[in-house]
């Protein structure tokens, strides 16, 4: 079992997407999505650049219970998990930030649904190849949980992610998060950028897509553990 940790500077409900009772990581973080397997854990840590300094705090933690290719994920959402299909014109926040952005129903390469990303994110998103799904997760959002001192070595405040260096801390982290007393598979906080997403009436490209594109390219360049 591998524990992946990284800093999540843009917590807008899309990556991860904790809605519909299943937490998914389908866009952004391409290196993690290529490497992570069932049984691994992915942990998003707070950023100093958030609305408040959330560094050293857990925004979400998910145990991967299923791995699908992006094409398989599109079919799965279309038939069983429509909450993840984005609708930027919806008044529902969950639909705006749907992470099933790429449609494989047409001819040729995948088409892009209108949502939280734009064409500038396509290469990074598709390079991740997989969608990571979890029915065993904790999402804290704007109420992140502070890590105890003995787990501080898993903090990764720069680009990319940490995994191999987390080996000796994986079991202690799981024990800690499982015994905080929080119910699994529900939201214990709201996405930090929820209000900002809902204020944008046209597209989200000016809000987060360009920032995500730069971050994703740097993550790909730092594809190591």
C-alpha atoms as a PDB file:
ATOM      1  CA  UNK A   1       0.000   0.000   0.000  1.00  0.00           C
ATOM      2  CA  UNK A   2       1.328   3.407  -1.015  1.00  0.00           C
ATOM      3  CA  UNK A   3       0.448   6.718   0.611  1.00  0.00           C
ATOM      4  CA  UNK A   4       0.495   9.592  -1.899  1.00  0.00           C
ATOM      5  CA  UNK A   5       0.536  13.119  -0.473  1.00  0.00           C
ATOM      6  CA  UNK A   6       0.480  16.480  -2.218  1.00  0.00           C
ATOM      7  CA  UNK A   7      -0.552  20.088  -1.705  1.00  0.00           C
ATOM      8  CA  UNK A   8      -3.967  21.051  -3.111  1.00  0.00           C
ATOM      9  CA  UNK A   9      -3.850  24.799  -3.879  1.00  0.00           C
ATOM     10  CA  UNK A  10      -7.183  24.819  -5.770  1.00  0.00           C
ATOM     11  CA  UNK A  11      -9.927  23.121  -3.763  1.00  0.00           C
ATOM     12  CA  UNK A  12     -13.024  23.894  -5.840  1.00  0.00           C
ATOM     13  CA  UNK A  13     -14.856  20.570  -5.650  1.00  0.00           C
ATOM     14  CA  UNK A  14     -13.551  19.228  -8.968  1.00  0.00           C
ATOM     15  CA  UNK A  15     -10.204  17.646  -8.080  1.00  0.00           C
ATOM     16  CA  UNK A  16     -10.986  15.848  -5.918  1.00  0.00           C
ATOM     17  CA  UNK A  17     -14.713  15.627  -6.569  1.00  0.00           C
ATOM     18  CA  UNK A  18     -16.353  14.320  -3.366  1.00  0.00           C
ATOM     19  CA  UNK A  19     -19.980  14.275  -4.558  1.00  0.00           C
ATOM     20  CA  UNK A  20     -22.413  11.428  -5.151  1.00  0.00           C
ATOM     21  CA  UNK A  21     -21.036   9.315  -2.307  1.00  0.00           C
ATOM     22  CA  UNK A  22     -17.873   8.577  -4.325  1.00  0.00           C
ATOM     23  CA  UNK A  23     -14.733  10.682  -4.160  1.00  0.00           C
ATOM     24  CA  UNK A  24     -12.961  10.840  -7.513  1.00  0.00           C
ATOM     25  CA  UNK A  25      -9.668  12.181  -8.792  1.00  0.00           C
ATOM     26  CA  UNK A  26     -10.079  12.357 -12.567  1.00  0.00           C
ATOM     27  CA  UNK A  27      -8.444  15.622 -13.617  1.00  0.00           C
ATOM     28  CA  UNK A  28      -5.156  17.207 -12.518  1.00  0.00           C
ATOM     29  CA  UNK A  29      -2.429  15.215 -10.669  1.00  0.00           C
ATOM     30  CA  UNK A  30      -1.579  13.093 -13.729  1.00  0.00           C
ATOM     31  CA  UNK A  31       1.429  11.374 -12.169  1.00  0.00           C
ATOM     32  CA  UNK A  32      -0.609  10.096  -9.218  1.00  0.00           C
ATOM     33  CA  UNK A  33      -3.436   8.946 -11.484  1.00  0.00           C
ATOM     34  CA  UNK A  34      -1.012   6.947 -13.621  1.00  0.00           C
ATOM     35  CA  UNK A  35       0.668   5.233 -10.679  1.00  0.00           C
ATOM     36  CA  UNK A  36      -1.884   4.754  -7.916  1.00  0.00           C
ATOM     37  CA  UNK A  37      -3.603   1.380  -7.545  1.00  0.00           C
ATOM     38  CA  UNK A  38      -6.476  -0.108  -5.583  1.00  0.00           C
ATOM     39  CA  UNK A  39      -5.730  -0.064  -1.865  1.00  0.00           C
ATOM     40  CA  UNK A  40      -3.417   2.952  -2.057  1.00  0.00           C
ATOM     41  CA  UNK A  41      -4.293   6.180  -0.256  1.00  0.00           C
ATOM     42  CA  UNK A  42      -4.246   9.693  -1.733  1.00  0.00           C
ATOM     43  CA  UNK A  43      -4.116  12.646   0.641  1.00  0.00           C
ATOM     44  CA  UNK A  44      -4.538  16.305  -0.330  1.00  0.00           C
ATOM     45  CA  UNK A  45      -2.901  18.725   2.088  1.00  0.00           C
ATOM     46  CA  UNK A  46      -3.796  22.368   2.573  1.00  0.00           C
ATOM     47  CA  UNK A  47      -1.954  25.238   0.938  1.00  0.00           C
ATOM     48  CA  UNK A  48      -0.467  28.412   2.346  1.00  0.00           C
ATOM     49  CA  UNK A  49      -2.128  30.158  -0.612  1.00  0.00           C
ATOM     50  CA  UNK A  50      -5.682  29.220   0.385  1.00  0.00           C
ATOM     51  CA  UNK A  51      -8.108  31.749   1.871  1.00  0.00           C
ATOM     52  CA  UNK A  52      -6.280  31.032   5.117  1.00  0.00           C
ATOM     53  CA  UNK A  53      -2.994  29.267   5.718  1.00  0.00           C
ATOM     54  CA  UNK A  54      -4.105  25.620   5.635  1.00  0.00           C
ATOM     55  CA  UNK A  55      -0.604  24.165   5.428  1.00  0.00           C
ATOM     56  CA  UNK A  56      -0.088  21.072   7.566  1.00  0.00           C
ATOM     57  CA  UNK A  57      -3.793  20.220   7.406  1.00  0.00           C
ATOM     58  CA  UNK A  58      -5.644  17.433   5.600  1.00  0.00           C
ATOM     59  CA  UNK A  59      -8.212  18.635   3.065  1.00  0.00           C
ATOM     60  CA  UNK A  60      -9.166  15.105   2.044  1.00  0.00           C
ATOM     61  CA  UNK A  61      -7.979  11.521   2.299  1.00  0.00           C
ATOM     62  CA  UNK A  62      -9.241   8.668   0.149  1.00  0.00           C
ATOM     63  CA  UNK A  63      -8.502   4.970  -0.084  1.00  0.00           C
ATOM     64  CA  UNK A  64      -8.668   3.945  -3.732  1.00  0.00           C
ATOM     65  CA  UNK A  65     -11.351   1.307  -4.194  1.00  0.00           C
ATOM     66  CA  UNK A  66     -11.517   1.331  -7.996  1.00  0.00           C
ATOM     67  CA  UNK A  67      -9.372   2.468 -10.920  1.00  0.00           C
ATOM     68  CA  UNK A  68     -10.958   3.147 -14.323  1.00  0.00           C
ATOM     69  CA  UNK A  69      -9.511   4.457 -17.549  1.00  0.00           C
ATOM     70  CA  UNK A  70     -10.914   7.825 -18.547  1.00  0.00           C
ATOM     71  CA  UNK A  71     -12.990   6.129 -21.239  1.00  0.00           C
ATOM     72  CA  UNK A  72     -14.356   3.616 -18.736  1.00  0.00           C
ATOM     73  CA  UNK A  73     -15.096   6.456 -16.319  1.00  0.00           C
ATOM     74  CA  UNK A  74     -17.088   8.299 -18.990  1.00  0.00           C
ATOM     75  CA  UNK A  75     -19.242   5.212 -19.578  1.00  0.00           C
ATOM     76  CA  UNK A  76     -19.642   4.668 -15.822  1.00  0.00           C
ATOM     77  CA  UNK A  77     -20.772   8.244 -15.170  1.00  0.00           C
ATOM     78  CA  UNK A  78     -23.120   8.249 -18.152  1.00  0.00           C
ATOM     79  CA  UNK A  79     -24.896   5.132 -16.909  1.00  0.00           C
ATOM     80  CA  UNK A  80     -24.529   5.187 -13.121  1.00  0.00           C
ATOM     81  CA  UNK A  81     -23.050   8.430 -11.802  1.00  0.00           C
ATOM     82  CA  UNK A  82     -24.535  11.391 -13.696  1.00  0.00           C
ATOM     83  CA  UNK A  83     -23.742  13.813 -10.861  1.00  0.00           C
ATOM     84  CA  UNK A  84     -20.152  13.779 -12.151  1.00  0.00           C
ATOM     85  CA  UNK A  85     -21.150  14.936 -15.666  1.00  0.00           C
ATOM     86  CA  UNK A  86     -20.476  18.710 -15.749  1.00  0.00           C
ATOM     87  CA  UNK A  87     -23.158  21.267 -16.566  1.00  0.00           C
ATOM     88  CA  UNK A  88     -21.691  24.742 -16.266  1.00  0.00           C
ATOM     89  CA  UNK A  89     -25.121  26.366 -16.681  1.00  0.00           C
ATOM     90  CA  UNK A  90     -26.593  24.479 -13.750  1.00  0.00           C
ATOM     91  CA  UNK A  91     -27.579  26.294 -10.573  1.00  0.00           C
ATOM     92  CA  UNK A  92     -26.309  23.250  -8.644  1.00  0.00           C
ATOM     93  CA  UNK A  93     -22.703  23.547  -7.540  1.00  0.00           C
ATOM     94  CA  UNK A  94     -22.147  19.785  -7.801  1.00  0.00           C
ATOM     95  CA  UNK A  95     -23.065  19.808 -11.483  1.00  0.00           C
ATOM     96  CA  UNK A  96     -20.850  22.765 -12.281  1.00  0.00           C
ATOM     97  CA  UNK A  97     -17.761  21.030 -10.956  1.00  0.00           C
ATOM     98  CA  UNK A  98     -18.423  17.597 -12.460  1.00  0.00           C
ATOM     99  CA  UNK A  99     -15.087  15.945 -13.254  1.00  0.00           C
ATOM    100  CA  UNK A 100     -16.268  13.644 -16.072  1.00  0.00           C
ATOM    101  CA  UNK A 101     -15.135  16.260 -18.551  1.00  0.00           C
ATOM    102  CA  UNK A 102     -14.094  13.998 -21.432  1.00  0.00           C
ATOM    103  CA  UNK A 103     -16.734  12.301 -23.577  1.00  0.00           C
ATOM    104  CA  UNK A 104     -15.745   9.248 -25.617  1.00  0.00           C
ATOM    105  CA  UNK A 105     -19.106   8.786 -27.335  1.00  0.00           C
ATOM    106  CA  UNK A 106     -18.041  10.475 -30.578  1.00  0.00           C
ATOM    107  CA  UNK A 107     -15.614   9.503 -33.307  1.00  0.00           C
ATOM    108  CA  UNK A 108     -11.895  10.063 -32.896  1.00  0.00           C
ATOM    109  CA  UNK A 109     -10.423  11.499 -29.728  1.00  0.00           C
ATOM    110  CA  UNK A 110     -12.445  12.510 -26.662  1.00  0.00           C
ATOM    111  CA  UNK A 111     -14.637  15.594 -26.806  1.00  0.00           C
ATOM    112  CA  UNK A 112     -14.545  18.086 -23.960  1.00  0.00           C
ATOM    113  CA  UNK A 113     -17.694  18.894 -22.039  1.00  0.00           C
ATOM    114  CA  UNK A 114     -18.065  22.490 -20.841  1.00  0.00           C
ATOM    115  CA  UNK A 115     -16.939  22.592 -17.251  1.00  0.00           C
ATOM    116  CA  UNK A 116     -14.182  23.540 -14.866  1.00  0.00           C
ATOM    117  CA  UNK A 117     -11.400  22.974 -17.425  1.00  0.00           C
ATOM    118  CA  UNK A 118     -10.709  24.183 -20.952  1.00  0.00           C
ATOM    119  CA  UNK A 119      -8.503  23.083 -23.852  1.00  0.00           C
ATOM    120  CA  UNK A 120      -5.435  24.349 -22.042  1.00  0.00           C
ATOM    121  CA  UNK A 121      -5.863  21.517 -19.543  1.00  0.00           C
ATOM    122  CA  UNK A 122      -6.515  18.733 -22.060  1.00  0.00           C
ATOM    123  CA  UNK A 123      -2.987  17.368 -22.471  1.00  0.00           C
ATOM    124  CA  UNK A 124      -2.298  17.252 -18.743  1.00  0.00           C
ATOM    125  CA  UNK A 125      -5.679  15.706 -17.916  1.00  0.00           C
ATOM    126  CA  UNK A 126      -5.452  13.008 -20.567  1.00  0.00           C
ATOM    127  CA  UNK A 127      -1.848  12.174 -19.672  1.00  0.00           C
ATOM    128  CA  UNK A 128      -3.111  10.930 -16.306  1.00  0.00           C
ATOM    129  CA  UNK A 129      -4.910   8.093 -18.165  1.00  0.00           C
ATOM    130  CA  UNK A 130      -7.020   6.983 -15.185  1.00  0.00           C
ATOM    131  CA  UNK A 131      -9.744   8.053 -12.819  1.00  0.00           C
ATOM    132  CA  UNK A 132      -9.295   7.086  -9.175  1.00  0.00           C
ATOM    133  CA  UNK A 133     -12.512   6.275  -7.303  1.00  0.00           C
ATOM    134  CA  UNK A 134     -13.108   5.855  -3.584  1.00  0.00           C
ATOM    135  CA  UNK A 135     -15.999   4.660  -1.495  1.00  0.00           C
ATOM    136  CA  UNK A 136     -13.783   5.013   1.587  1.00  0.00           C
ATOM    137  CA  UNK A 137     -12.921   8.677   1.993  1.00  0.00           C
ATOM    138  CA  UNK A 138     -12.904  11.673   4.306  1.00  0.00           C
ATOM    139  CA  UNK A 139     -13.442  15.141   2.866  1.00  0.00           C
ATOM    140  CA  UNK A 140     -12.898  18.197   5.092  1.00  0.00           C
ATOM    141  CA  UNK A 141     -12.638  21.018   2.524  1.00  0.00           C
ATOM    142  CA  UNK A 142     -12.660  24.395   4.259  1.00  0.00           C
ATOM    143  CA  UNK A 143     -12.480  22.673   7.658  1.00  0.00           C
ATOM    144  CA  UNK A 144      -9.204  20.769   7.195  1.00  0.00           C
ATOM    145  CA  UNK A 145      -7.818  18.637   9.993  1.00  0.00           C
ATOM    146  CA  UNK A 146      -4.409  19.483  11.449  1.00  0.00           C
ATOM    147  CA  UNK A 147      -1.867  16.699  11.218  1.00  0.00           C
ATOM    148  CA  UNK A 148      -0.278  15.612  14.491  1.00  0.00           C
ATOM    149  CA  UNK A 149       3.434  16.285  14.820  1.00  0.00           C
ATOM    150  CA  UNK A 150       4.449  12.648  14.317  1.00  0.00           C
ATOM    151  CA  UNK A 151       2.892  12.718  10.827  1.00  0.00           C
ATOM    152  CA  UNK A 152       4.403  16.033   9.696  1.00  0.00           C
ATOM    153  CA  UNK A 153       7.010  14.279   7.473  1.00  0.00           C
ATOM    154  CA  UNK A 154       4.260  13.413   4.961  1.00  0.00           C
ATOM    155  CA  UNK A 155       3.675  17.120   4.244  1.00  0.00           C
ATOM    156  CA  UNK A 156       4.665  18.070   0.708  1.00  0.00           C
ATOM    157  CA  UNK A 157       4.363  21.816   0.116  1.00  0.00           C
ATOM    158  CA  UNK A 158       6.027  22.017  -3.300  1.00  0.00           C
ATOM    159  CA  UNK A 159       4.932  20.813  -6.759  1.00  0.00           C
ATOM    160  CA  UNK A 160       4.623  17.100  -7.472  1.00  0.00           C
ATOM    161  CA  UNK A 161       3.895  14.555  -4.778  1.00  0.00           C
ATOM    162  CA  UNK A 162       5.487  12.342  -2.159  1.00  0.00           C
ATOM    163  CA  UNK A 163       5.004   8.586  -1.848  1.00  0.00           C
ATOM    164  CA  UNK A 164       8.092   6.405  -1.313  1.00  0.00           C
ATOM    165  CA  UNK A 165       9.254   8.685   1.483  1.00  0.00           C
ATOM    166  CA  UNK A 166       5.881   8.131   3.181  1.00  0.00           C
ATOM    167  CA  UNK A 167       6.327   4.365   3.609  1.00  0.00           C
ATOM    168  CA  UNK A 168       6.921   4.312   7.351  1.00  0.00           C
ATOM    169  CA  UNK A 169       4.098   6.807   7.950  1.00  0.00           C
ATOM    170  CA  UNK A 170       1.374   5.096   5.909  1.00  0.00           C
ATOM    171  CA  UNK A 171      -0.002   2.844   8.646  1.00  0.00           C
ATOM    172  CA  UNK A 172       0.184   5.551  11.361  1.00  0.00           C
ATOM    173  CA  UNK A 173      -1.622   8.005   9.071  1.00  0.00           C
ATOM    174  CA  UNK A 174      -4.445   5.550   8.364  1.00  0.00           C
ATOM    175  CA  UNK A 175      -4.800   4.794  12.064  1.00  0.00           C
ATOM    176  CA  UNK A 176      -4.965   8.515  12.819  1.00  0.00           C
ATOM    177  CA  UNK A 177      -7.508   9.491  10.167  1.00  0.00           C
ATOM    178  CA  UNK A 178      -9.725   6.457  10.785  1.00  0.00           C
ATOM    179  CA  UNK A 179      -9.939   7.285  14.491  1.00  0.00           C
ATOM    180  CA  UNK A 180     -10.797  10.972  14.254  1.00  0.00           C
ATOM    181  CA  UNK A 181     -14.450  10.037  14.686  1.00  0.00           C
ATOM    182  CA  UNK A 182     -15.691  11.343  11.333  1.00  0.00           C
ATOM    183  CA  UNK A 183     -18.195   9.473   9.188  1.00  0.00           C
ATOM    184  CA  UNK A 184     -16.846   8.197   5.887  1.00  0.00           C
ATOM    185  CA  UNK A 185     -18.119   9.213   2.451  1.00  0.00           C
ATOM    186  CA  UNK A 186     -19.784  12.485   3.443  1.00  0.00           C
ATOM    187  CA  UNK A 187     -18.632  16.109   3.311  1.00  0.00           C
ATOM    188  CA  UNK A 188     -17.438  17.543   6.619  1.00  0.00           C
ATOM    189  CA  UNK A 189     -16.698  20.919   5.026  1.00  0.00           C
ATOM    190  CA  UNK A 190     -17.359  22.784   1.794  1.00  0.00           C
ATOM    191  CA  UNK A 191     -14.881  23.163  -1.091  1.00  0.00           C
ATOM    192  CA  UNK A 192     -12.778  26.211  -0.338  1.00  0.00           C
ATOM    193  CA  UNK A 193     -13.603  27.934  -3.652  1.00  0.00           C
ATOM    194  CA  UNK A 194     -17.298  27.070  -3.811  1.00  0.00           C
ATOM    195  CA  UNK A 195     -18.484  30.683  -3.651  1.00  0.00           C
ATOM    196  CA  UNK A 196     -15.991  31.765  -6.304  1.00  0.00           C
ATOM    197  CA  UNK A 197     -17.137  29.019  -8.663  1.00  0.00           C
ATOM    198  CA  UNK A 198     -20.785  29.988  -8.258  1.00  0.00           C
ATOM    199  CA  UNK A 199     -20.037  33.676  -8.956  1.00  0.00           C
ATOM    200  CA  UNK A 200     -18.644  32.904 -12.411  1.00  0.00           C
ATOM    201  CA  UNK A 201     -21.442  33.016 -14.956  1.00  0.00           C
ATOM    202  CA  UNK A 202     -19.580  32.276 -18.191  1.00  0.00           C
ATOM    203  CA  UNK A 203     -16.700  29.840 -17.869  1.00  0.00           C
ATOM    204  CA  UNK A 204     -14.263  28.933 -15.165  1.00  0.00           C
ATOM    205  CA  UNK A 205     -11.178  29.449 -17.315  1.00  0.00           C
ATOM    206  CA  UNK A 206     -10.264  32.703 -15.633  1.00  0.00           C
ATOM    207  CA  UNK A 207     -10.778  31.237 -12.188  1.00  0.00           C
ATOM    208  CA  UNK A 208      -8.799  28.045 -12.110  1.00  0.00           C
ATOM    209  CA  UNK A 209      -8.180  26.368 -15.469  1.00  0.00           C
ATOM    210  CA  UNK A 210      -5.050  28.343 -16.304  1.00  0.00           C
ATOM    211  CA  UNK A 211      -3.624  27.847 -12.814  1.00  0.00           C
ATOM    212  CA  UNK A 212      -4.361  24.139 -13.007  1.00  0.00           C
ATOM    213  CA  UNK A 213      -2.719  23.874 -16.428  1.00  0.00           C
ATOM    214  CA  UNK A 214       0.535  25.343 -15.130  1.00  0.00           C
ATOM    215  CA  UNK A 215       0.418  23.203 -12.001  1.00  0.00           C
ATOM    216  CA  UNK A 216      -0.268  20.045 -14.008  1.00  0.00           C
ATOM    217  CA  UNK A 217       2.610  20.682 -16.393  1.00  0.00           C
ATOM    218  CA  UNK A 218       4.967  21.137 -13.457  1.00  0.00           C
ATOM    219  CA  UNK A 219       3.627  17.967 -11.829  1.00  0.00           C
ATOM    220  CA  UNK A 220       4.301  16.025 -15.021  1.00  0.00           C
ATOM    221  CA  UNK A 221       7.838  17.385 -15.119  1.00  0.00           C
ATOM    222  CA  UNK A 222       8.251  16.200 -11.526  1.00  0.00           C
ATOM    223  CA  UNK A 223       6.928  12.707 -12.215  1.00  0.00           C
ATOM    224  CA  UNK A 224       8.810  10.955  -9.461  1.00  0.00           C
ATOM    225  CA  UNK A 225       8.113   9.555  -6.010  1.00  0.00           C
END
